[in-house]
Amino acid sequence: MIEFLKPSNREIRKSIKDVDDSYNNDWDILAELCQNSVDAIRKKKARKRNYQN
Protein backbone atom coordinates (compact mmCIF):
# COMPACT_ATOMS: atom_id res chain seq x y z
CA MET A 1 0.00 0.00 0.00
CA ILE A 2 1.22 3.48 -0.74
CA GLU A 3 2.39 4.90 2.58
CA PHE A 4 0.49 8.20 2.40
CA LEU A 5 -2.79 6.28 1.93
CA LYS A 6 -2.23 4.21 5.06
CA PRO A 7 -4.11 5.65 8.06
CA SER A 8 -2.13 6.30 11.22
CA ASN A 9 -2.94 4.56 14.49
CA ARG A 10 -4.39 7.84 15.75
CA GLU A 11 -6.73 8.07 12.73
CA ILE A 12 -7.82 4.45 13.18
CA ARG A 13 -8.55 5.00 16.88
CA LYS A 14 -10.52 8.17 16.11
CA SER A 15 -12.53 6.36 13.46
CA ILE A 16 -13.37 3.51 15.85
CA LYS A 17 -14.33 5.99 18.57
CA ASP A 18 -16.56 7.90 16.13
CA VAL A 19 -18.33 4.69 15.13
CA ASP A 20 -18.78 3.70 18.76
CA ASP A 21 -20.12 7.17 19.60
CA SER A 22 -22.64 6.95 16.76
CA TYR A 23 -24.54 4.20 18.59
CA ASN A 24 -27.03 5.73 21.02
CA ASN A 25 -27.64 2.69 23.18
CA ASP A 26 -26.35 -0.84 23.70
CA TRP A 27 -29.04 -2.40 21.51
CA ASP A 28 -27.99 -0.42 18.42
CA ILE A 29 -24.92 -2.58 17.89
CA LEU A 30 -26.97 -5.79 18.14
CA ALA A 31 -29.53 -4.41 15.69
CA GLU A 32 -26.75 -3.45 13.27
CA LEU A 33 -25.23 -6.94 13.45
CA CYS A 34 -28.63 -8.54 12.83
CA GLN A 35 -29.28 -6.26 9.86
CA ASN A 36 -25.87 -7.06 8.39
CA SER A 37 -26.65 -10.78 8.73
CA VAL A 38 -30.01 -10.40 6.99
CA ASP A 39 -28.39 -8.38 4.19
CA ALA A 40 -25.70 -11.05 3.69
CA ILE A 41 -28.29 -13.84 3.50
CA ARG A 42 -30.38 -11.91 0.98
CA LYS A 43 -27.30 -11.13 -1.12
CA LYS A 44 -26.26 -14.78 -1.18
CA LYS A 45 -29.77 -15.90 -2.15
CA ALA A 46 -29.85 -13.33 -4.97
CA ARG A 47 -26.48 -14.56 -6.28
CA LYS A 48 -27.68 -18.15 -6.13
CA ARG A 49 -30.87 -17.26 -8.07
CA ASN A 50 -28.84 -15.45 -10.74
CA TYR A 51 -26.46 -18.38 -11.05
CA GLN A 52 -29.30 -20.87 -11.57
CA ASN A 53 -30.88 -18.81 -14.38
C-alpha atoms as a PDB file:
ATOM      1  CA  MET A   1       0.000   0.000   0.000  1.00  0.00           C
ATOM      2  CA  ILE A   2       1.217   3.476  -0.741  1.00  0.00           C
ATOM      3  CA  GLU A   3       2.394   4.903   2.584  1.00  0.00           C
ATOM      4  CA  PHE A   4       0.485   8.200   2.400  1.00  0.00           C
ATOM      5  CA  LEU A   5      -2.785   6.282   1.929  1.00  0.00           C
ATOM      6  CA  LYS A   6      -2.234   4.214   5.065  1.00  0.00           C
ATOM      7  CA  PRO A   7      -4.114   5.647   8.064  1.00  0.00           C
ATOM      8  CA  SER A   8      -2.131   6.297  11.216  1.00  0.00           C
ATOM      9  CA  ASN A   9      -2.937   4.559  14.494  1.00  0.00           C
ATOM     10  CA  ARG A  10      -4.386   7.840  15.746  1.00  0.00           C
ATOM     11  CA  GLU A  11      -6.730   8.065  12.732  1.00  0.00           C
ATOM     12  CA  ILE A  12      -7.818   4.452  13.175  1.00  0.00           C
ATOM     13  CA  ARG A  13      -8.551   5.002  16.875  1.00  0.00           C
ATOM     14  CA  LYS A  14     -10.524   8.167  16.112  1.00  0.00           C
ATOM     15  CA  SER A  15     -12.532   6.356  13.457  1.00  0.00           C
ATOM     16  CA  ILE A  16     -13.366   3.510  15.848  1.00  0.00           C
ATOM     17  CA  LYS A  17     -14.329   5.987  18.572  1.00  0.00           C
ATOM     18  CA  ASP A  18     -16.563   7.896  16.131  1.00  0.00           C
ATOM     19  CA  VAL A  19     -18.332   4.688  15.126  1.00  0.00           C
ATOM     20  CA  ASP A  20     -18.783   3.701  18.765  1.00  0.00           C
ATOM     21  CA  ASP A  21     -20.119   7.169  19.605  1.00  0.00           C
ATOM     22  CA  SER A  22     -22.643   6.954  16.763  1.00  0.00           C
ATOM     23  CA  TYR A  23     -24.544   4.199  18.589  1.00  0.00           C
ATOM     24  CA  ASN A  24     -27.028   5.734  21.020  1.00  0.00           C
ATOM     25  CA  ASN A  25     -27.643   2.686  23.180  1.00  0.00           C
ATOM     26  CA  ASP A  26     -26.350  -0.838  23.699  1.00  0.00           C
ATOM     27  CA  TRP A  27     -29.040  -2.398  21.506  1.00  0.00           C
ATOM     28  CA  ASP A  28     -27.993  -0.421  18.416  1.00  0.00           C
ATOM     29  CA  ILE A  29     -24.919  -2.578  17.886  1.00  0.00           C
ATOM     30  CA  LEU A  30     -26.965  -5.786  18.137  1.00  0.00           C
ATOM     31  CA  ALA A  31     -29.533  -4.405  15.692  1.00  0.00           C
ATOM     32  CA  GLU A  32     -26.752  -3.455  13.267  1.00  0.00           C
ATOM     33  CA  LEU A  33     -25.227  -6.939  13.451  1.00  0.00           C
ATOM     34  CA  CYS A  34     -28.626  -8.540  12.831  1.00  0.00           C
ATOM     35  CA  GLN A  35     -29.283  -6.262   9.863  1.00  0.00           C
ATOM     36  CA  ASN A  36     -25.867  -7.057   8.386  1.00  0.00           C
ATOM     37  CA  SER A  37     -26.646 -10.778   8.727  1.00  0.00           C
ATOM     38  CA  VAL A  38     -30.011 -10.405   6.990  1.00  0.00           C
ATOM     39  CA  ASP A  39     -28.394  -8.385   4.189  1.00  0.00           C
ATOM     40  CA  ALA A  40     -25.701 -11.051   3.690  1.00  0.00           C
ATOM     41  CA  ILE A  41     -28.293 -13.840   3.502  1.00  0.00           C
ATOM     42  CA  ARG A  42     -30.377 -11.908   0.981  1.00  0.00           C
ATOM     43  CA  LYS A  43     -27.304 -11.131  -1.115  1.00  0.00           C
ATOM     44  CA  LYS A  44     -26.257 -14.783  -1.176  1.00  0.00           C
ATOM     45  CA  LYS A  45     -29.773 -15.900  -2.150  1.00  0.00           C
ATOM     46  CA  ALA A  46     -29.847 -13.333  -4.972  1.00  0.00           C
ATOM     47  CA  ARG A  47     -26.481 -14.556  -6.285  1.00  0.00           C
ATOM     48  CA  LYS A  48     -27.684 -18.152  -6.126  1.00  0.00           C
ATOM     49  CA  ARG A  49     -30.867 -17.258  -8.071  1.00  0.00           C
ATOM     50  CA  ASN A  50     -28.842 -15.450 -10.737  1.00  0.00           C
ATOM     51  CA  TYR A  51     -26.462 -18.383 -11.045  1.00  0.00           C
ATOM     52  CA  GLN A  52     -29.301 -20.868 -11.570  1.00  0.00           C
ATOM     53  CA  ASN A  53     -30.883 -18.813 -14.378  1.00  0.00           C
END
